[in-house]
């Protein structure tokens, strides 16, 4: 906050540049920048998603399902989400729990839009053959199969796979996205506001990807309502052409910190809100009930 005051930031678009001298800390930067965009949109009395250049009035939604104790438990969860209308199902995989799970899902849901997320659980030296077997199952993508820093190995692996690789943790800035594209390390990018440091970098990455005909989508990090509202806004940008991980509040929270809670239609979509800013009211009472500590950061330093 003192840094922004000293930099005389006059618009949300200037926040990213003002915070550039601070290395890393992307999630903190994203939080500050997102708040500024929300405040600016409210001042202008316009929805945030329109203010950042969004074009979609409705976004397509998918869900992410973690590893379960049994295959049947996983199939039951998928059944519930499909019946709820979600357009894409993503499951987590790891060595020993991969091909057999995907095969079981395909037997039950042959036409389901399905992707898998490895969370960097594999190594190209030992697991390439297993990952190549996933080509048989018509997957939308294999997300982050290798370690975040393994851009070169991701490129080697992508050359061996028919299924598109999607990079998540590997992409924290536009430079990463450009390098990944130049090396052929992926065909899809997952963009998370917190991971890339805010709207400015997210917008730059999606614009680059759109130029290169590379689909992007919005990933999730278990956000509560305010973060979820920002993900909805981000997902309205023109480059976000695949269903993201933005789902209903009720999947995670008994009571969210926004009102109304985020809901998903029976056709698996969320309508972009029409209210000013993020378009949802902050549930101050709920936040107060959950708060264990407060800290106030003044705009000016006392030193």
C-alpha atoms as a PDB file:
ATOM      1  CA  UNK A   1       0.000   0.000   0.000  1.00  0.00           C
ATOM      2  CA  UNK A   2       2.732   2.572   0.800  1.00  0.00           C
ATOM      3  CA  UNK A   3       4.454   1.665  -2.464  1.00  0.00           C
ATOM      4  CA  UNK A   4       1.282   2.344  -4.460  1.00  0.00           C
ATOM      5  CA  UNK A   5       0.780   5.665  -2.698  1.00  0.00           C
ATOM      6  CA  UNK A   6       4.372   6.696  -3.385  1.00  0.00           C
ATOM      7  CA  UNK A   7       4.028   5.707  -7.035  1.00  0.00           C
ATOM      8  CA  UNK A   8       0.936   7.920  -7.372  1.00  0.00           C
ATOM      9  CA  UNK A   9      -1.074   5.156  -8.997  1.00  0.00           C
ATOM     10  CA  UNK A  10      -4.112   6.735 -10.623  1.00  0.00           C
ATOM     11  CA  UNK A  11      -5.696   3.690 -12.275  1.00  0.00           C
ATOM     12  CA  UNK A  12      -5.886  -0.055 -11.829  1.00  0.00           C
ATOM     13  CA  UNK A  13      -3.950  -0.517 -15.056  1.00  0.00           C
ATOM     14  CA  UNK A  14      -0.912   1.109 -13.416  1.00  0.00           C
ATOM     15  CA  UNK A  15      -0.814  -1.209 -10.390  1.00  0.00           C
ATOM     16  CA  UNK A  16       1.125  -4.034 -12.022  1.00  0.00           C
ATOM     17  CA  UNK A  17       3.928  -1.724 -13.148  1.00  0.00           C
ATOM     18  CA  UNK A  18       4.042  -0.023  -9.744  1.00  0.00           C
ATOM     19  CA  UNK A  19       4.488  -3.402  -8.029  1.00  0.00           C
ATOM     20  CA  UNK A  20       7.052  -4.675 -10.537  1.00  0.00           C
ATOM     21  CA  UNK A  21      10.072  -3.788  -8.318  1.00  0.00           C
ATOM     22  CA  UNK A  22       8.848  -6.396  -5.812  1.00  0.00           C
ATOM     23  CA  UNK A  23      10.125  -9.799  -6.864  1.00  0.00           C
ATOM     24  CA  UNK A  24       7.827 -12.827  -6.843  1.00  0.00           C
ATOM     25  CA  UNK A  25       4.961 -12.543  -4.261  1.00  0.00           C
ATOM     26  CA  UNK A  26       2.550 -12.896  -7.168  1.00  0.00           C
ATOM     27  CA  UNK A  27      -0.475 -13.835  -5.096  1.00  0.00           C
ATOM     28  CA  UNK A  28      -0.091 -10.768  -2.899  1.00  0.00           C
ATOM     29  CA  UNK A  29       0.293  -8.576  -5.980  1.00  0.00           C
ATOM     30  CA  UNK A  30      -2.763 -10.159  -7.573  1.00  0.00           C
ATOM     31  CA  UNK A  31      -4.834  -9.465  -4.462  1.00  0.00           C
ATOM     32  CA  UNK A  32      -3.921  -5.785  -4.446  1.00  0.00           C
ATOM     33  CA  UNK A  33      -4.410  -5.366  -8.184  1.00  0.00           C
ATOM     34  CA  UNK A  34      -7.753  -7.208  -8.172  1.00  0.00           C
ATOM     35  CA  UNK A  35      -9.047  -4.961  -5.393  1.00  0.00           C
ATOM     36  CA  UNK A  36      -8.047  -1.896  -7.411  1.00  0.00           C
ATOM     37  CA  UNK A  37      -9.824  -3.160 -10.535  1.00  0.00           C
ATOM     38  CA  UNK A  38     -12.944  -3.882  -8.483  1.00  0.00           C
ATOM     39  CA  UNK A  39     -12.865  -0.451  -6.850  1.00  0.00           C
ATOM     40  CA  UNK A  40     -12.312   1.293 -10.186  1.00  0.00           C
ATOM     41  CA  UNK A  41     -15.198  -0.582 -11.835  1.00  0.00           C
ATOM     42  CA  UNK A  42     -17.492   0.342  -8.949  1.00  0.00           C
ATOM     43  CA  UNK A  43     -16.447   3.985  -9.239  1.00  0.00           C
ATOM     44  CA  UNK A  44     -17.291   3.864 -12.950  1.00  0.00           C
ATOM     45  CA  UNK A  45     -20.540   2.026 -12.142  1.00  0.00           C
ATOM     46  CA  UNK A  46     -19.809  -0.846 -14.511  1.00  0.00           C
ATOM     47  CA  UNK A  47     -19.365  -4.604 -14.112  1.00  0.00           C
ATOM     48  CA  UNK A  48     -15.747  -5.612 -13.576  1.00  0.00           C
ATOM     49  CA  UNK A  49     -15.838  -8.146 -16.398  1.00  0.00           C
ATOM     50  CA  UNK A  50     -16.777  -5.435 -18.885  1.00  0.00           C
ATOM     51  CA  UNK A  51     -14.187  -3.058 -17.434  1.00  0.00           C
ATOM     52  CA  UNK A  52     -11.335  -5.526 -18.058  1.00  0.00           C
ATOM     53  CA  UNK A  53     -12.447  -6.153 -21.643  1.00  0.00           C
ATOM     54  CA  UNK A  54     -14.571  -9.256 -21.198  1.00  0.00           C
ATOM     55  CA  UNK A  55     -16.942 -10.206 -23.998  1.00  0.00           C
ATOM     56  CA  UNK A  56     -18.779 -13.288 -22.727  1.00  0.00           C
ATOM     57  CA  UNK A  57     -22.033 -12.789 -20.852  1.00  0.00           C
ATOM     58  CA  UNK A  58     -22.002 -16.442 -19.810  1.00  0.00           C
ATOM     59  CA  UNK A  59     -19.051 -18.724 -19.086  1.00  0.00           C
ATOM     60  CA  UNK A  60     -18.761 -22.502 -19.424  1.00  0.00           C
ATOM     61  CA  UNK A  61     -17.951 -24.397 -16.225  1.00  0.00           C
ATOM     62  CA  UNK A  62     -16.110 -27.570 -15.368  1.00  0.00           C
ATOM     63  CA  UNK A  63     -15.131 -29.270 -12.130  1.00  0.00           C
ATOM     64  CA  UNK A  64     -11.988 -30.823 -10.725  1.00  0.00           C
ATOM     65  CA  UNK A  65     -12.284 -34.078  -8.792  1.00  0.00           C
ATOM     66  CA  UNK A  66      -9.482 -35.355  -6.591  1.00  0.00           C
ATOM     67  CA  UNK A  67      -8.267 -38.917  -6.159  1.00  0.00           C
ATOM     68  CA  UNK A  68     -10.805 -41.130  -4.398  1.00  0.00           C
ATOM     69  CA  UNK A  69     -10.407 -44.256  -2.277  1.00  0.00           C
ATOM     70  CA  UNK A  70     -12.035 -46.433  -4.932  1.00  0.00           C
ATOM     71  CA  UNK A  71     -12.798 -46.246  -8.631  1.00  0.00           C
ATOM     72  CA  UNK A  72     -16.500 -46.637  -7.880  1.00  0.00           C
ATOM     73  CA  UNK A  73     -16.385 -43.628  -5.538  1.00  0.00           C
ATOM     74  CA  UNK A  74     -14.801 -41.596  -8.334  1.00  0.00           C
ATOM     75  CA  UNK A  75     -17.457 -42.701 -10.817  1.00  0.00           C
ATOM     76  CA  UNK A  76     -20.195 -41.782  -8.344  1.00  0.00           C
ATOM     77  CA  UNK A  77     -18.748 -38.271  -7.947  1.00  0.00           C
ATOM     78  CA  UNK A  78     -18.481 -37.833 -11.694  1.00  0.00           C
ATOM     79  CA  UNK A  79     -22.092 -38.958 -12.095  1.00  0.00           C
ATOM     80  CA  UNK A  80     -23.279 -36.302  -9.641  1.00  0.00           C
ATOM     81  CA  UNK A  81     -21.325 -33.538 -11.377  1.00  0.00           C
ATOM     82  CA  UNK A  82     -22.508 -34.585 -14.833  1.00  0.00           C
ATOM     83  CA  UNK A  83     -26.097 -34.613 -13.580  1.00  0.00           C
ATOM     84  CA  UNK A  84     -25.513 -31.096 -12.219  1.00  0.00           C
ATOM     85  CA  UNK A  85     -24.714 -29.967 -15.755  1.00  0.00           C
ATOM     86  CA  UNK A  86     -20.958 -29.344 -15.650  1.00  0.00           C
ATOM     87  CA  UNK A  87     -19.516 -29.295 -19.159  1.00  0.00           C
ATOM     88  CA  UNK A  88     -16.069 -30.715 -18.404  1.00  0.00           C
ATOM     89  CA  UNK A  89     -14.794 -33.147 -15.787  1.00  0.00           C
ATOM     90  CA  UNK A  90     -11.163 -33.112 -14.689  1.00  0.00           C
ATOM     91  CA  UNK A  91      -9.699 -35.843 -12.513  1.00  0.00           C
ATOM     92  CA  UNK A  92      -6.394 -35.965 -10.685  1.00  0.00           C
ATOM     93  CA  UNK A  93      -3.953 -38.721 -11.614  1.00  0.00           C
ATOM     94  CA  UNK A  94      -0.624 -40.021 -10.355  1.00  0.00           C
ATOM     95  CA  UNK A  95       1.579 -43.036 -11.112  1.00  0.00           C
ATOM     96  CA  UNK A  96      -0.429 -46.180 -10.410  1.00  0.00           C
ATOM     97  CA  UNK A  97      -3.727 -44.321 -10.533  1.00  0.00           C
ATOM     98  CA  UNK A  98      -4.043 -43.154 -14.105  1.00  0.00           C
ATOM     99  CA  UNK A  99      -4.829 -45.354 -17.110  1.00  0.00           C
ATOM    100  CA  UNK A 100      -7.147 -47.696 -15.230  1.00  0.00           C
ATOM    101  CA  UNK A 101      -9.157 -44.755 -13.859  1.00  0.00           C
ATOM    102  CA  UNK A 102      -9.503 -43.122 -17.260  1.00  0.00           C
ATOM    103  CA  UNK A 103     -10.510 -46.435 -18.834  1.00  0.00           C
ATOM    104  CA  UNK A 104     -13.219 -46.958 -16.210  1.00  0.00           C
ATOM    105  CA  UNK A 105     -14.557 -43.440 -16.782  1.00  0.00           C
ATOM    106  CA  UNK A 106     -14.623 -43.913 -20.550  1.00  0.00           C
ATOM    107  CA  UNK A 107     -16.547 -47.159 -20.189  1.00  0.00           C
ATOM    108  CA  UNK A 108     -19.186 -45.361 -18.113  1.00  0.00           C
ATOM    109  CA  UNK A 109     -19.088 -42.000 -19.960  1.00  0.00           C
ATOM    110  CA  UNK A 110     -17.843 -42.564 -23.536  1.00  0.00           C
ATOM    111  CA  UNK A 111     -18.621 -39.030 -24.772  1.00  0.00           C
ATOM    112  CA  UNK A 112     -17.764 -37.044 -21.637  1.00  0.00           C
ATOM    113  CA  UNK A 113     -15.440 -34.057 -22.072  1.00  0.00           C
ATOM    114  CA  UNK A 114     -12.652 -35.330 -19.837  1.00  0.00           C
ATOM    115  CA  UNK A 115      -9.219 -34.082 -18.849  1.00  0.00           C
ATOM    116  CA  UNK A 116      -6.607 -35.249 -16.358  1.00  0.00           C
ATOM    117  CA  UNK A 117      -4.351 -33.241 -14.050  1.00  0.00           C
ATOM    118  CA  UNK A 118      -1.078 -34.808 -12.938  1.00  0.00           C
ATOM    119  CA  UNK A 119       0.158 -31.990 -10.678  1.00  0.00           C
ATOM    120  CA  UNK A 120       3.742 -32.733 -11.801  1.00  0.00           C
ATOM    121  CA  UNK A 121       3.572 -36.349 -10.587  1.00  0.00           C
ATOM    122  CA  UNK A 122       5.440 -37.884 -13.534  1.00  0.00           C
ATOM    123  CA  UNK A 123       8.994 -38.015 -14.899  1.00  0.00           C
ATOM    124  CA  UNK A 124       9.722 -38.249 -18.599  1.00  0.00           C
ATOM    125  CA  UNK A 125      12.507 -40.772 -18.004  1.00  0.00           C
ATOM    126  CA  UNK A 126      10.221 -43.351 -16.412  1.00  0.00           C
ATOM    127  CA  UNK A 127       6.622 -42.459 -17.234  1.00  0.00           C
ATOM    128  CA  UNK A 128       6.433 -41.412 -20.893  1.00  0.00           C
ATOM    129  CA  UNK A 129       5.018 -44.774 -21.968  1.00  0.00           C
ATOM    130  CA  UNK A 130       2.189 -44.574 -19.414  1.00  0.00           C
ATOM    131  CA  UNK A 131       1.294 -41.045 -20.477  1.00  0.00           C
ATOM    132  CA  UNK A 132       1.298 -42.127 -24.129  1.00  0.00           C
ATOM    133  CA  UNK A 133      -1.309 -44.779 -23.280  1.00  0.00           C
ATOM    134  CA  UNK A 134      -3.680 -41.960 -22.327  1.00  0.00           C
ATOM    135  CA  UNK A 135      -3.834 -41.030 -26.024  1.00  0.00           C
ATOM    136  CA  UNK A 136      -6.302 -43.906 -26.435  1.00  0.00           C
ATOM    137  CA  UNK A 137      -9.027 -42.176 -24.406  1.00  0.00           C
ATOM    138  CA  UNK A 138      -9.834 -38.966 -26.294  1.00  0.00           C
ATOM    139  CA  UNK A 139      -8.839 -36.600 -23.487  1.00  0.00           C
ATOM    140  CA  UNK A 140      -9.239 -32.849 -23.786  1.00  0.00           C
ATOM    141  CA  UNK A 141      -5.797 -32.405 -22.215  1.00  0.00           C
ATOM    142  CA  UNK A 142      -3.165 -33.741 -19.830  1.00  0.00           C
ATOM    143  CA  UNK A 143      -2.444 -30.955 -17.373  1.00  0.00           C
ATOM    144  CA  UNK A 144       1.050 -30.389 -15.948  1.00  0.00           C
ATOM    145  CA  UNK A 145       2.409 -33.943 -16.244  1.00  0.00           C
ATOM    146  CA  UNK A 146       6.003 -32.975 -15.366  1.00  0.00           C
ATOM    147  CA  UNK A 147       7.684 -30.609 -12.910  1.00  0.00           C
ATOM    148  CA  UNK A 148       7.031 -26.863 -13.338  1.00  0.00           C
ATOM    149  CA  UNK A 149      10.594 -26.140 -14.468  1.00  0.00           C
ATOM    150  CA  UNK A 150      10.694 -28.929 -17.048  1.00  0.00           C
ATOM    151  CA  UNK A 151       9.694 -26.855 -20.077  1.00  0.00           C
ATOM    152  CA  UNK A 152      12.159 -28.675 -22.338  1.00  0.00           C
ATOM    153  CA  UNK A 153      10.985 -32.101 -21.175  1.00  0.00           C
ATOM    154  CA  UNK A 154       7.358 -31.037 -21.633  1.00  0.00           C
ATOM    155  CA  UNK A 155       8.273 -30.158 -25.232  1.00  0.00           C
ATOM    156  CA  UNK A 156       9.843 -33.595 -25.728  1.00  0.00           C
ATOM    157  CA  UNK A 157       6.780 -35.259 -24.244  1.00  0.00           C
ATOM    158  CA  UNK A 158       4.314 -33.203 -26.304  1.00  0.00           C
ATOM    159  CA  UNK A 159       6.060 -34.365 -29.479  1.00  0.00           C
ATOM    160  CA  UNK A 160       5.313 -37.956 -28.442  1.00  0.00           C
ATOM    161  CA  UNK A 161       1.678 -37.366 -27.482  1.00  0.00           C
ATOM    162  CA  UNK A 162      -1.440 -36.813 -29.557  1.00  0.00           C
ATOM    163  CA  UNK A 163      -3.248 -35.446 -26.496  1.00  0.00           C
ATOM    164  CA  UNK A 164      -2.575 -31.737 -25.852  1.00  0.00           C
ATOM    165  CA  UNK A 165      -0.444 -30.910 -22.834  1.00  0.00           C
ATOM    166  CA  UNK A 166      -1.776 -28.035 -20.733  1.00  0.00           C
ATOM    167  CA  UNK A 167       0.715 -26.118 -18.612  1.00  0.00           C
ATOM    168  CA  UNK A 168      -0.349 -24.728 -15.243  1.00  0.00           C
ATOM    169  CA  UNK A 169       2.384 -24.187 -12.651  1.00  0.00           C
ATOM    170  CA  UNK A 170       4.988 -23.762 -15.409  1.00  0.00           C
ATOM    171  CA  UNK A 171       3.361 -20.509 -16.563  1.00  0.00           C
ATOM    172  CA  UNK A 172       3.767 -17.629 -14.119  1.00  0.00           C
ATOM    173  CA  UNK A 173       4.332 -14.844 -16.667  1.00  0.00           C
ATOM    174  CA  UNK A 174       4.101 -13.957 -20.344  1.00  0.00           C
ATOM    175  CA  UNK A 175       7.752 -14.918 -20.878  1.00  0.00           C
ATOM    176  CA  UNK A 176       7.022 -18.461 -19.700  1.00  0.00           C
ATOM    177  CA  UNK A 177       4.064 -18.664 -22.079  1.00  0.00           C
ATOM    178  CA  UNK A 178       6.167 -17.428 -24.984  1.00  0.00           C
ATOM    179  CA  UNK A 179       8.971 -19.901 -24.247  1.00  0.00           C
ATOM    180  CA  UNK A 180       6.491 -22.771 -23.889  1.00  0.00           C
ATOM    181  CA  UNK A 181       4.968 -21.935 -27.258  1.00  0.00           C
ATOM    182  CA  UNK A 182       8.321 -21.526 -28.995  1.00  0.00           C
ATOM    183  CA  UNK A 183       9.520 -24.891 -27.690  1.00  0.00           C
ATOM    184  CA  UNK A 184       6.207 -26.634 -28.357  1.00  0.00           C
ATOM    185  CA  UNK A 185       5.867 -27.565 -24.682  1.00  0.00           C
ATOM    186  CA  UNK A 186       2.072 -27.301 -24.619  1.00  0.00           C
ATOM    187  CA  UNK A 187      -0.998 -26.628 -26.729  1.00  0.00           C
ATOM    188  CA  UNK A 188      -3.196 -25.234 -23.936  1.00  0.00           C
ATOM    189  CA  UNK A 189      -2.552 -22.907 -20.971  1.00  0.00           C
ATOM    190  CA  UNK A 190      -4.306 -22.766 -17.612  1.00  0.00           C
ATOM    191  CA  UNK A 191      -4.304 -19.184 -16.278  1.00  0.00           C
ATOM    192  CA  UNK A 192      -4.794 -18.450 -12.582  1.00  0.00           C
ATOM    193  CA  UNK A 193      -4.908 -14.835 -11.407  1.00  0.00           C
ATOM    194  CA  UNK A 194      -2.936 -15.540  -8.255  1.00  0.00           C
ATOM    195  CA  UNK A 195      -0.286 -17.618  -9.968  1.00  0.00           C
ATOM    196  CA  UNK A 196       0.520 -15.017 -12.635  1.00  0.00           C
ATOM    197  CA  UNK A 197       0.237 -11.965 -10.380  1.00  0.00           C
ATOM    198  CA  UNK A 198      -3.011 -10.350 -11.487  1.00  0.00           C
ATOM    199  CA  UNK A 199      -5.084  -9.139 -14.401  1.00  0.00           C
ATOM    200  CA  UNK A 200      -2.330  -7.363 -16.326  1.00  0.00           C
ATOM    201  CA  UNK A 201      -0.205 -10.482 -16.730  1.00  0.00           C
ATOM    202  CA  UNK A 202      -3.236 -12.743 -17.202  1.00  0.00           C
ATOM    203  CA  UNK A 203      -4.511 -10.453 -19.959  1.00  0.00           C
ATOM    204  CA  UNK A 204      -1.092 -10.435 -21.632  1.00  0.00           C
ATOM    205  CA  UNK A 205      -0.861 -14.229 -21.562  1.00  0.00           C
ATOM    206  CA  UNK A 206      -4.357 -14.753 -22.965  1.00  0.00           C
ATOM    207  CA  UNK A 207      -3.751 -12.179 -25.706  1.00  0.00           C
ATOM    208  CA  UNK A 208      -0.515 -13.927 -26.704  1.00  0.00           C
ATOM    209  CA  UNK A 209      -2.208 -17.325 -26.639  1.00  0.00           C
ATOM    210  CA  UNK A 210      -5.091 -16.018 -28.735  1.00  0.00           C
ATOM    211  CA  UNK A 211      -2.628 -14.737 -31.345  1.00  0.00           C
ATOM    212  CA  UNK A 212      -1.093 -18.215 -31.496  1.00  0.00           C
ATOM    213  CA  UNK A 213      -4.476 -20.020 -31.618  1.00  0.00           C
ATOM    214  CA  UNK A 214      -3.724 -21.597 -28.246  1.00  0.00           C
ATOM    215  CA  UNK A 215      -6.792 -22.085 -26.010  1.00  0.00           C
ATOM    216  CA  UNK A 216      -6.654 -20.903 -22.400  1.00  0.00           C
ATOM    217  CA  UNK A 217      -8.944 -21.494 -19.446  1.00  0.00           C
ATOM    218  CA  UNK A 218      -9.252 -20.292 -15.862  1.00  0.00           C
ATOM    219  CA  UNK A 219      -8.014 -22.642 -13.171  1.00  0.00           C
ATOM    220  CA  UNK A 220      -9.116 -22.582  -9.558  1.00  0.00           C
ATOM    221  CA  UNK A 221      -7.355 -22.597  -6.200  1.00  0.00           C
ATOM    222  CA  UNK A 222     -10.256 -23.261  -3.815  1.00  0.00           C
ATOM    223  CA  UNK A 223     -11.218 -19.585  -3.854  1.00  0.00           C
ATOM    224  CA  UNK A 224     -13.929 -18.232  -1.621  1.00  0.00           C
ATOM    225  CA  UNK A 225     -16.533 -15.929  -3.132  1.00  0.00           C
ATOM    226  CA  UNK A 226     -14.443 -12.828  -3.805  1.00  0.00           C
ATOM    227  CA  UNK A 227     -11.722 -14.776  -5.585  1.00  0.00           C
ATOM    228  CA  UNK A 228     -14.354 -16.809  -7.415  1.00  0.00           C
ATOM    229  CA  UNK A 229     -16.009 -13.605  -8.626  1.00  0.00           C
ATOM    230  CA  UNK A 230     -12.688 -12.450 -10.056  1.00  0.00           C
ATOM    231  CA  UNK A 231     -12.285 -15.815 -11.807  1.00  0.00           C
ATOM    232  CA  UNK A 232     -15.691 -15.320 -13.407  1.00  0.00           C
ATOM    233  CA  UNK A 233     -14.620 -11.894 -14.668  1.00  0.00           C
ATOM    234  CA  UNK A 234     -11.337 -13.284 -16.011  1.00  0.00           C
ATOM    235  CA  UNK A 235     -13.153 -16.100 -17.812  1.00  0.00           C
ATOM    236  CA  UNK A 236     -15.154 -13.609 -19.889  1.00  0.00           C
ATOM    237  CA  UNK A 237     -12.019 -12.489 -21.769  1.00  0.00           C
ATOM    238  CA  UNK A 238     -12.079 -13.582 -25.430  1.00  0.00           C
ATOM    239  CA  UNK A 239      -9.155 -16.017 -25.224  1.00  0.00           C
ATOM    240  CA  UNK A 240     -10.818 -18.177 -22.559  1.00  0.00           C
ATOM    241  CA  UNK A 241     -12.442 -20.696 -24.877  1.00  0.00           C
ATOM    242  CA  UNK A 242     -12.451 -23.861 -22.719  1.00  0.00           C
ATOM    243  CA  UNK A 243     -14.548 -24.608 -19.624  1.00  0.00           C
ATOM    244  CA  UNK A 244     -12.648 -23.587 -16.506  1.00  0.00           C
ATOM    245  CA  UNK A 245     -12.565 -24.715 -12.889  1.00  0.00           C
ATOM    246  CA  UNK A 246     -15.059 -22.028 -11.832  1.00  0.00           C
ATOM    247  CA  UNK A 247     -17.898 -23.862 -10.108  1.00  0.00           C
ATOM    248  CA  UNK A 248     -20.716 -23.237  -7.656  1.00  0.00           C
ATOM    249  CA  UNK A 249     -20.009 -21.896  -4.172  1.00  0.00           C
ATOM    250  CA  UNK A 250     -21.947 -24.816  -2.682  1.00  0.00           C
ATOM    251  CA  UNK A 251     -19.358 -27.321  -3.918  1.00  0.00           C
ATOM    252  CA  UNK A 252     -16.952 -25.957  -1.300  1.00  0.00           C
ATOM    253  CA  UNK A 253     -18.730 -23.716   1.186  1.00  0.00           C
ATOM    254  CA  UNK A 254     -21.741 -24.151   3.427  1.00  0.00           C
ATOM    255  CA  UNK A 255     -21.966 -20.342   3.470  1.00  0.00           C
ATOM    256  CA  UNK A 256     -19.849 -18.218   1.140  1.00  0.00           C
ATOM    257  CA  UNK A 257     -18.466 -14.759   1.927  1.00  0.00           C
ATOM    258  CA  UNK A 258     -20.457 -13.174  -0.906  1.00  0.00           C
ATOM    259  CA  UNK A 259     -24.159 -12.800  -1.586  1.00  0.00           C
ATOM    260  CA  UNK A 260     -25.708 -14.226  -3.562  1.00  0.00           C
ATOM    261  CA  UNK A 261     -23.498 -17.323  -3.760  1.00  0.00           C
ATOM    262  CA  UNK A 262     -22.170 -18.373  -7.157  1.00  0.00           C
ATOM    263  CA  UNK A 263     -24.561 -20.805  -8.831  1.00  0.00           C
ATOM    264  CA  UNK A 264     -24.256 -22.872 -11.988  1.00  0.00           C
ATOM    265  CA  UNK A 265     -27.101 -23.410 -14.452  1.00  0.00           C
ATOM    266  CA  UNK A 266     -28.343 -26.850 -15.458  1.00  0.00           C
ATOM    267  CA  UNK A 267     -26.455 -26.433 -18.728  1.00  0.00           C
ATOM    268  CA  UNK A 268     -23.176 -25.892 -16.873  1.00  0.00           C
ATOM    269  CA  UNK A 269     -22.765 -22.135 -17.170  1.00  0.00           C
ATOM    270  CA  UNK A 270     -22.437 -19.083 -14.949  1.00  0.00           C
ATOM    271  CA  UNK A 271     -23.902 -15.779 -16.080  1.00  0.00           C
ATOM    272  CA  UNK A 272     -21.582 -12.801 -15.783  1.00  0.00           C
ATOM    273  CA  UNK A 273     -23.033 -10.585 -13.032  1.00  0.00           C
ATOM    274  CA  UNK A 274     -24.677  -7.299 -13.942  1.00  0.00           C
ATOM    275  CA  UNK A 275     -23.802  -5.439 -10.740  1.00  0.00           C
ATOM    276  CA  UNK A 276     -20.972  -2.944 -10.467  1.00  0.00           C
ATOM    277  CA  UNK A 277     -17.464  -4.227  -9.733  1.00  0.00           C
ATOM    278  CA  UNK A 278     -17.288  -7.950  -9.012  1.00  0.00           C
ATOM    279  CA  UNK A 279     -21.087  -7.972  -9.059  1.00  0.00           C
ATOM    280  CA  UNK A 280     -21.590  -9.637  -5.684  1.00  0.00           C
ATOM    281  CA  UNK A 281     -22.104  -8.140  -2.240  1.00  0.00           C
ATOM    282  CA  UNK A 282     -19.475  -9.014   0.347  1.00  0.00           C
ATOM    283  CA  UNK A 283     -20.999 -10.841   3.316  1.00  0.00           C
ATOM    284  CA  UNK A 284     -19.343  -8.781   6.053  1.00  0.00           C
ATOM    285  CA  UNK A 285     -21.057 -10.710   8.851  1.00  0.00           C
ATOM    286  CA  UNK A 286     -19.706 -13.996   7.543  1.00  0.00           C
ATOM    287  CA  UNK A 287     -16.187 -12.583   7.238  1.00  0.00           C
ATOM    288  CA  UNK A 288     -16.396 -11.160  10.757  1.00  0.00           C
ATOM    289  CA  UNK A 289     -17.447 -14.539  12.121  1.00  0.00           C
ATOM    290  CA  UNK A 290     -14.425 -16.188  10.507  1.00  0.00           C
ATOM    291  CA  UNK A 291     -11.842 -13.503  11.302  1.00  0.00           C
ATOM    292  CA  UNK A 292      -9.152 -14.388  13.852  1.00  0.00           C
ATOM    293  CA  UNK A 293      -6.849 -11.391  13.353  1.00  0.00           C
ATOM    294  CA  UNK A 294      -6.894  -7.979  11.685  1.00  0.00           C
ATOM    295  CA  UNK A 295      -3.981  -5.942  10.408  1.00  0.00           C
ATOM    296  CA  UNK A 296      -4.145  -2.415   9.024  1.00  0.00           C
ATOM    297  CA  UNK A 297      -1.447  -1.240   6.621  1.00  0.00           C
ATOM    298  CA  UNK A 298      -1.290   2.565   6.375  1.00  0.00           C
ATOM    299  CA  UNK A 299      -0.753   4.257   3.037  1.00  0.00           C
ATOM    300  CA  UNK A 300       2.141   6.266   4.421  1.00  0.00           C
ATOM    301  CA  UNK A 301       5.084   5.017   6.431  1.00  0.00           C
ATOM    302  CA  UNK A 302       5.699   6.438   9.915  1.00  0.00           C
ATOM    303  CA  UNK A 303       9.472   6.298   9.387  1.00  0.00           C
END
